Each structure stands twice: as C-alpha cells, then as structure tokens.
Protein backbone atom coordinates (compact mmCIF):
# COMPACT_ATOMS: atom_id res chain seq x y z
CA MET A 1 -12.26 16.82 -17.39
CA LYS A 2 -14.94 15.37 -16.12
CA ILE A 3 -14.10 12.91 -12.96
CA PHE A 4 -16.05 10.44 -11.91
CA VAL A 5 -15.38 9.12 -7.81
CA THR A 6 -16.69 6.45 -6.28
CA GLY A 7 -16.65 6.97 -2.42
CA ALA A 8 -17.12 10.33 -2.91
CA THR A 9 -19.38 10.49 0.45
CA GLY A 10 -17.11 9.07 2.29
CA TYR A 11 -14.03 10.43 4.05
CA ILE A 12 -11.00 10.12 2.17
CA GLY A 13 -13.71 10.74 -0.88
CA SER A 14 -15.07 13.65 0.02
CA ALA A 15 -11.99 15.21 0.68
CA ALA A 16 -10.63 14.57 -2.66
CA ALA A 17 -13.94 15.07 -4.41
CA SER A 18 -13.40 18.70 -2.86
CA ARG A 19 -10.32 19.02 -4.33
CA LEU A 20 -10.72 17.69 -8.14
CA LEU A 21 -13.88 20.70 -8.27
CA GLU A 22 -10.97 22.95 -8.25
CA LYS A 23 -10.49 22.09 -11.82
CA HIS A 24 -13.16 19.60 -12.58
CA THR A 25 -16.12 18.87 -12.99
CA VAL A 26 -16.96 15.93 -10.74
CA ILE A 27 -19.85 13.20 -10.95
CA GLY A 28 -19.88 10.85 -7.61
CA LEU A 29 -21.35 7.78 -6.89
CA ALA A 30 -24.39 7.41 -4.71
CA ARG A 31 -25.61 4.16 -3.45
CA SER A 32 -29.30 6.40 -2.39
CA GLU A 33 -31.31 9.86 -2.62
CA GLU A 34 -29.78 11.12 1.26
CA ALA A 35 -26.08 10.18 -0.57
CA ALA A 36 -27.16 12.25 -3.80
CA ASP A 37 -28.71 15.40 -1.74
CA LYS A 38 -24.94 14.99 0.05
CA LEU A 39 -22.89 15.33 -2.60
CA ARG A 40 -25.28 18.27 -4.49
CA LYS A 41 -24.82 20.67 -1.31
CA HIS A 42 -20.80 20.37 -2.02
CA GLY A 43 -21.13 21.01 -5.88
CA VAL A 44 -20.37 17.22 -6.90
CA ALA A 45 -23.17 15.69 -9.36
CA PRO A 46 -24.58 12.86 -8.07
CA TYR A 47 -24.94 9.37 -10.12
CA ARG A 48 -26.81 6.51 -8.60
CA GLY A 49 -25.24 3.10 -8.93
CA ASP A 50 -23.87 0.54 -6.21
CA MET A 51 -20.39 -0.86 -6.88
CA LYS A 52 -22.02 -4.11 -5.62
CA GLN A 53 -23.95 -3.87 -9.18
CA PRO A 54 -20.71 -2.79 -11.17
CA GLU A 55 -23.18 -2.73 -14.15
CA SER A 56 -24.91 0.17 -12.66
CA LEU A 57 -21.64 2.40 -12.72
CA SER A 58 -21.30 1.50 -16.84
CA ASP A 59 -22.67 4.78 -18.00
CA ALA A 60 -21.03 6.63 -15.58
CA ILE A 61 -17.56 5.57 -16.79
CA ARG A 62 -18.23 5.81 -20.16
CA SER A 63 -19.27 9.83 -19.95
CA CYS A 64 -16.68 10.67 -18.08
CA ASP A 65 -12.82 11.82 -18.85
CA GLY A 66 -11.48 10.08 -15.68
CA VAL A 67 -11.98 7.45 -13.18
CA VAL A 68 -11.26 8.41 -9.56
CA SER A 69 -11.63 4.41 -7.13
CA ILE A 70 -11.79 5.26 -3.52
CA GLY A 71 -14.76 3.58 -2.39
CA THR A 72 -14.95 -0.39 -1.50
CA THR A 73 -16.85 -2.49 -0.93
CA ASN A 74 -14.71 -4.59 1.45
CA ASP A 75 -15.22 -7.61 -0.32
CA GLY A 76 -12.53 -8.96 -2.20
CA LEU A 77 -14.43 -10.33 -5.05
CA LEU A 78 -17.17 -7.48 -5.43
CA ASP A 79 -14.71 -4.98 -5.56
CA ARG A 80 -12.19 -6.97 -8.21
CA ALA A 81 -15.44 -6.98 -10.37
CA ALA A 82 -16.02 -3.47 -10.29
CA ILE A 83 -12.51 -2.58 -10.90
CA THR A 84 -12.30 -5.00 -14.22
CA LEU A 85 -15.74 -3.17 -15.61
CA VAL A 86 -14.06 0.20 -15.19
CA LEU A 87 -10.83 -1.02 -17.37
CA GLU A 88 -12.81 -3.02 -19.03
CA LEU A 89 -15.11 0.20 -20.47
CA LEU A 90 -11.76 2.36 -19.79
CA LYS A 91 -9.70 0.13 -22.29
CA GLY A 92 -7.67 1.92 -25.60
CA THR A 93 -9.23 5.58 -23.63
CA GLU A 94 -6.08 6.49 -22.34
CA LYS A 95 -8.11 8.13 -20.01
CA PRO A 96 -6.72 8.29 -16.12
CA MET A 97 -7.87 5.84 -13.34
CA VAL A 98 -6.35 6.18 -9.82
CA TYR A 99 -7.27 3.17 -8.15
CA THR A 100 -7.52 3.63 -4.14
CA SER A 101 -5.40 0.37 -1.93
CA GLY A 102 -3.54 0.96 1.21
CA VAL A 103 -0.01 0.35 3.43
CA TRP A 104 -1.56 -2.84 5.03
CA VAL A 105 -0.98 -4.15 1.99
CA LEU A 106 3.27 -4.16 2.81
CA GLY A 107 2.43 -5.97 5.98
CA ASP A 108 4.99 -5.49 8.71
CA THR A 109 7.81 -3.30 7.50
CA GLY A 110 10.54 -5.24 10.15
CA GLY A 111 11.37 -1.91 11.65
CA GLN A 112 12.63 -0.49 7.63
CA VAL A 113 11.75 2.00 5.60
CA VAL A 114 10.21 0.63 2.26
CA ASP A 115 9.16 2.38 -0.48
CA GLU A 116 7.08 1.17 -3.94
CA SER A 117 9.69 -1.36 -4.68
CA ALA A 118 9.30 -3.68 -1.65
CA PRO A 119 6.99 -7.15 -1.50
CA VAL A 120 3.71 -7.07 -0.59
CA ASN A 121 3.23 -9.31 2.30
CA PRO A 122 -0.43 -8.21 2.87
CA ALA A 123 -2.52 -8.53 6.24
CA ALA A 124 -5.69 -10.57 6.10
CA LEU A 125 -8.12 -7.99 6.42
CA VAL A 126 -6.30 -6.33 2.88
CA ALA A 127 -5.10 -9.98 1.27
CA TRP A 128 -7.22 -9.42 -1.93
CA ARG A 129 -5.61 -5.74 -2.46
CA PRO A 130 -2.28 -6.53 -4.00
CA GLY A 131 -4.15 -8.70 -6.68
CA VAL A 132 -6.55 -5.68 -7.67
CA GLU A 133 -3.74 -3.35 -7.83
CA GLN A 134 -1.65 -5.92 -10.45
CA LEU A 135 -5.00 -5.79 -12.43
CA VAL A 136 -4.55 -1.40 -12.32
CA LEU A 137 -1.36 -1.79 -12.94
CA ALA A 138 -1.39 -4.28 -15.59
CA ALA A 139 -4.36 -1.72 -17.67
CA ALA A 140 -1.67 0.60 -18.67
CA ALA A 141 -0.88 -2.35 -21.34
CA ASP A 142 -4.19 -1.51 -22.90
CA ASN A 143 -4.08 2.21 -23.07
CA VAL A 144 -5.32 3.22 -19.85
CA ARG A 145 -3.63 5.38 -17.81
CA ALA A 146 -3.84 3.43 -15.17
CA ILE A 147 -2.41 4.64 -11.30
CA VAL A 148 -2.60 3.10 -7.69
CA ILE A 149 -1.88 5.05 -4.65
CA ARG A 150 -1.66 3.55 -1.21
CA PRO A 151 -2.14 5.88 1.59
CA GLY A 152 -0.74 5.69 5.04
CA ILE A 153 -3.59 5.88 8.05
CA VAL A 154 -5.23 8.92 7.08
CA TYR A 155 -6.23 11.28 9.50
CA GLY A 156 -7.25 15.40 9.66
CA ARG A 157 -11.12 16.77 9.94
CA ARG A 158 -11.78 15.23 12.81
CA GLY A 159 -12.40 11.88 10.85
CA GLY A 160 -10.63 8.54 9.89
CA ILE A 161 -9.05 5.82 12.25
CA ALA A 162 -7.97 8.40 15.12
CA ALA A 163 -11.59 9.60 16.00
CA ASP A 164 -11.81 5.93 17.23
CA PHE A 165 -9.05 6.90 19.86
CA ILE A 166 -11.38 9.93 20.82
CA GLN A 167 -14.17 7.97 21.03
CA SER A 168 -12.38 5.89 24.03
CA ALA A 169 -11.00 8.44 25.49
CA GLN A 170 -14.40 9.74 26.19
CA LYS A 171 -16.29 7.29 27.36
CA SER A 172 -13.50 5.89 29.91
CA GLY A 173 -11.53 8.39 30.59
CA ALA A 174 -8.35 6.80 28.52
CA ALA A 175 -7.64 6.36 24.93
CA ARG A 176 -7.07 2.39 23.98
CA TYR A 177 -5.29 1.43 21.50
CA VAL A 178 -4.51 -2.03 20.29
CA GLY A 179 -1.71 -4.05 21.44
CA THR A 180 1.63 -2.58 23.02
CA GLY A 181 1.61 0.80 21.04
CA GLU A 182 4.74 0.36 20.26
CA ASN A 183 4.24 -0.25 16.57
CA ARG A 184 4.37 2.87 13.93
CA TRP A 185 1.97 3.81 11.73
CA PRO A 186 2.91 5.76 8.50
CA VAL A 187 0.47 8.59 8.08
CA VAL A 188 -1.25 11.07 5.72
CA HIS A 189 -3.72 14.55 6.18
CA VAL A 190 -6.65 13.62 4.77
CA ASP A 191 -6.17 17.04 2.66
CA ASP A 192 -2.81 16.31 1.80
CA LEU A 193 -4.05 13.01 0.04
CA ALA A 194 -6.59 14.63 -1.45
CA ASP A 195 -3.61 16.93 -3.33
CA LEU A 196 -2.38 14.00 -4.75
CA PHE A 197 -5.33 12.23 -5.99
CA ALA A 198 -5.54 15.57 -7.86
CA ILE A 199 -2.15 15.92 -9.38
CA ALA A 200 -1.56 12.27 -10.18
CA MET A 201 -5.19 12.81 -12.10
CA ASP A 202 -3.60 15.31 -14.01
CA CYS A 203 -0.02 14.25 -14.62
CA ALA A 204 0.95 10.56 -13.46
CA SER A 205 2.29 8.12 -15.73
CA ALA A 206 0.26 4.90 -16.71
CA GLY A 207 1.12 2.11 -14.86
CA SER A 208 2.65 4.26 -11.91
CA LEU A 209 2.35 3.09 -7.96
CA TYR A 210 2.96 5.97 -4.92
CA HIS A 211 3.03 5.41 -1.91
CA ALA A 212 1.11 8.60 0.19
CA ALA A 213 2.60 9.09 3.58
CA ASP A 214 4.31 12.02 5.45
CA GLY A 215 7.73 10.58 6.65
CA SER A 216 6.72 10.65 10.23
CA ALA A 217 7.03 7.13 12.32
CA HIS A 218 5.40 8.18 15.20
CA ARG A 219 4.42 5.07 17.81
CA VAL A 220 0.99 4.40 18.62
CA LYS A 221 1.12 4.78 22.17
CA GLU A 222 2.41 8.22 21.55
CA ILE A 223 -0.76 9.10 19.10
CA ALA A 224 -3.18 7.96 21.47
CA GLU A 225 -1.55 9.84 23.75
CA ALA A 226 -1.79 12.90 21.71
CA VAL A 227 -5.60 12.36 21.32
CA SER A 228 -6.25 12.22 25.01
CA PHE A 229 -4.74 15.18 25.62
CA GLY A 230 -6.49 16.85 23.03
CA ALA A 231 -10.18 15.10 24.42
CA GLY A 232 -9.28 16.34 27.38
CA ALA A 233 -8.44 13.03 28.93
CA GLY A 234 -5.05 14.41 30.57
CA GLY A 235 -2.96 12.09 28.49
CA TRP A 236 -4.17 8.85 30.06
CA THR A 237 -3.86 5.77 27.57
CA GLU A 238 -4.47 2.08 28.25
CA SER A 239 -3.31 -0.96 25.81
CA TRP A 240 -6.22 -3.38 24.80
CA PRO A 241 -4.86 -6.50 24.07
CA LEU A 242 -4.22 -8.42 21.19
CA ALA A 243 -5.84 -11.49 21.83
CA GLU A 244 -9.05 -10.05 23.33
CA ALA A 245 -9.50 -6.99 20.27
CA ARG A 246 -9.55 -9.87 18.15
CA LYS A 247 -12.63 -11.23 19.34
CA THR A 248 -14.55 -7.78 18.74
CA LEU A 249 -12.30 -6.48 15.69
CA GLY A 250 -11.38 -9.50 14.03
CA PRO A 251 -8.81 -9.17 11.48
CA TYR A 252 -8.88 -5.35 11.76
CA ALA A 253 -7.24 -5.98 15.17
CA ASP A 254 -4.04 -7.33 13.31
CA ALA A 255 -4.25 -4.45 10.75
CA LEU A 256 -3.37 -1.77 13.46
CA VAL A 257 -0.60 -3.27 15.19
CA LEU A 258 1.52 -3.19 12.18
CA ASP A 259 4.44 -1.39 12.56
CA GLN A 260 5.19 0.08 9.77
CA GLN A 261 7.45 3.02 8.20
CA VAL A 262 6.74 3.71 4.53
CA SER A 263 8.69 6.24 1.71
CA ALA A 264 6.79 8.57 -0.24
CA GLU A 265 9.96 10.03 -1.60
CA LYS A 266 8.73 8.51 -5.74
CA ALA A 267 5.39 10.84 -5.41
CA ARG A 268 7.30 14.00 -4.03
CA ARG A 269 9.91 13.61 -6.88
CA GLU A 270 7.86 12.35 -9.66
CA LEU A 271 4.73 14.60 -8.55
CA ALA A 272 6.08 17.38 -7.03
CA TRP A 273 3.55 16.24 -4.15
CA SER A 274 4.54 18.20 -0.79
CA PRO A 275 2.24 17.24 1.74
CA HIS A 276 2.70 20.42 4.58
CA ARG A 277 -0.85 20.26 6.40
CA PRO A 278 -0.37 20.07 10.49
CA SER A 279 1.20 16.83 11.72
CA ILE A 280 -0.47 13.80 13.47
CA LEU A 281 -0.05 14.70 16.92
CA GLU A 282 -0.35 18.46 16.31
CA ASP A 283 -3.73 17.93 14.81
CA LEU A 284 -4.67 15.86 17.42
CA CYS A 285 -3.96 17.50 20.44
CA ARG A 286 -4.30 21.14 19.13
CA GLY A 287 -6.36 21.21 15.53
CA SER A 288 -9.39 19.66 14.44
CA TYR A 289 -9.57 16.34 16.70
CA SER A 290 -8.91 18.77 19.59
CA PHE A 291 -11.87 19.51 22.43
CA HIS A 292 -10.04 22.83 24.13
CA LYS A 293 -6.76 24.72 24.11
CA VAL A 294 -4.03 22.93 26.16
CA SER A 295 -2.13 25.43 27.86
CA ASN A 296 1.68 25.86 27.70
C-alpha cells in the first residue's frame, strides 16, 4: 500500500514511517524543504503541505491507500478541521485511517488500571482530543476503516519527555520532575508503538480503539532517578513544585502529574501486539539515554 503519514519528520512519526516502509510505500507530510530532505534521506517520499491548511493535504489523501495521522498542530480546532477533511476524502473507500490520540484523555485513573472502556476525563491540555477520537471512530459507519490509538508516555531512541529529564540533570546535576513524583506513567517504547501502527494499518477492524502501553507502572520519581544515573548525575533528583511549574509550563504541568495505570491487553489480544523493547528504566539508565556505563 501507499501510506500517507502526517508527523513523519517527528519523534514518533519517523519511527512509524520507518516501520511502515518495511512493507509499504510511505509518503510523509513536509512543511518545508528542510523537512522534505530529511524524509528523502530515510526513504520516505515527501509531500509538501501543512495541517494548518487542510486543503493542502487533499491530493496526498486521494492518492494514498491509507492514512496514519501522527502530526498535530496542538490546536484543537485546526486538528479537527484536518481530520475532518481526511475522513471526508476517505468516505466510502474502506481505506484505513489511524488517528493518534493519547492516554492523557483518560485523566487521573485514581489508582486503578483502566482499559479502553473507561470514561474519558481529559487533562485541560488535550480537552479537545476525545471529540476528535469520536469523529474518527464514527467514520466506520461511512466505510472508513478508522482506528484510534492512545499511546502512553513514549520513550526510546533518546527522545520524548524523558529527554527533558536529561537536560535538567546535565544543567543542575539533578533530574527534575514536576510535583511529588509519586504519580505513575504508563509508557511505551517508540519502536513498540511503531509496530502497533503497522499492525493496525494492516489488520485492525473499523471503529477500533487501542491503548498502547507496556504494562509497567513506574513512579515518575523512579524514572527521574534512572535518568540521573544514566546521565552521570549519581541518581540525584529534585521536585519542581506544581504551582511553580505551571508558571512556566502552563497546562502541560498538570498533565505531567497525572497518576495513570493503563491496560493494553486489547491490542495484545486482538492484534497480537507484543511490546518487547528495553524497559524505560533500562533504557534510561543503561540504554539509548545513557552517557556512561553503570558499574554493577
């Protein structure tokens, strides 16, 4: 198939595009010539356009056999307009469309492990996402093989939110986290997530919703400590009080302190998805994020 991927130059999108290239032709959205060059170097055919101008995507959508939406404008109205156009152009084709949401739509899970049947209670930062999820899932009735994937906190390849910890460890000698650090993050390695995109594109049923998380439930303070060891800061960490963090990070700070536990058993059961990359603690302390070998 020929797959159109938005966000193909980004952290998650580049991993997904690489995985999809193993079986398909991949067209990646590029907002600039620099982005287009980056895509070409990785074997992805660039298509110049911008999600902030949805009409610019039309030709790519029409010419492809499926769409993976990973990119975001971080503006709910603009994202909704772009996704609406995608679904309108795919209506009646039975082509697959995978939309990337995230577990922050669930809000705090109150110490419980929740699956896809749990009600949403989104963090303010992503308050618009549940509406877009429903828009996508409803497209199944219009003969679009529409699928929604909610990744946990993505790590691996020395990127994602975990990389922010490294910056603080290098700058101050301690990995800084927001709040008490007692909250838990559901996590997924970027390459395991890329596997799920590829599997869903090939065989997920229309109207399906899947969580993507590896089943661990590490507390944020523990994650920061692993970063600190990997960055050579001796395991030192420091708390950034939520009230202070909000002054710099805004609603993002509140998302970072959510306590969440998420089940991805549905993806394992229905799609035979099997996350198997290094755990977040291993990758942070001794893997792709590590600056030195930790002695045993």
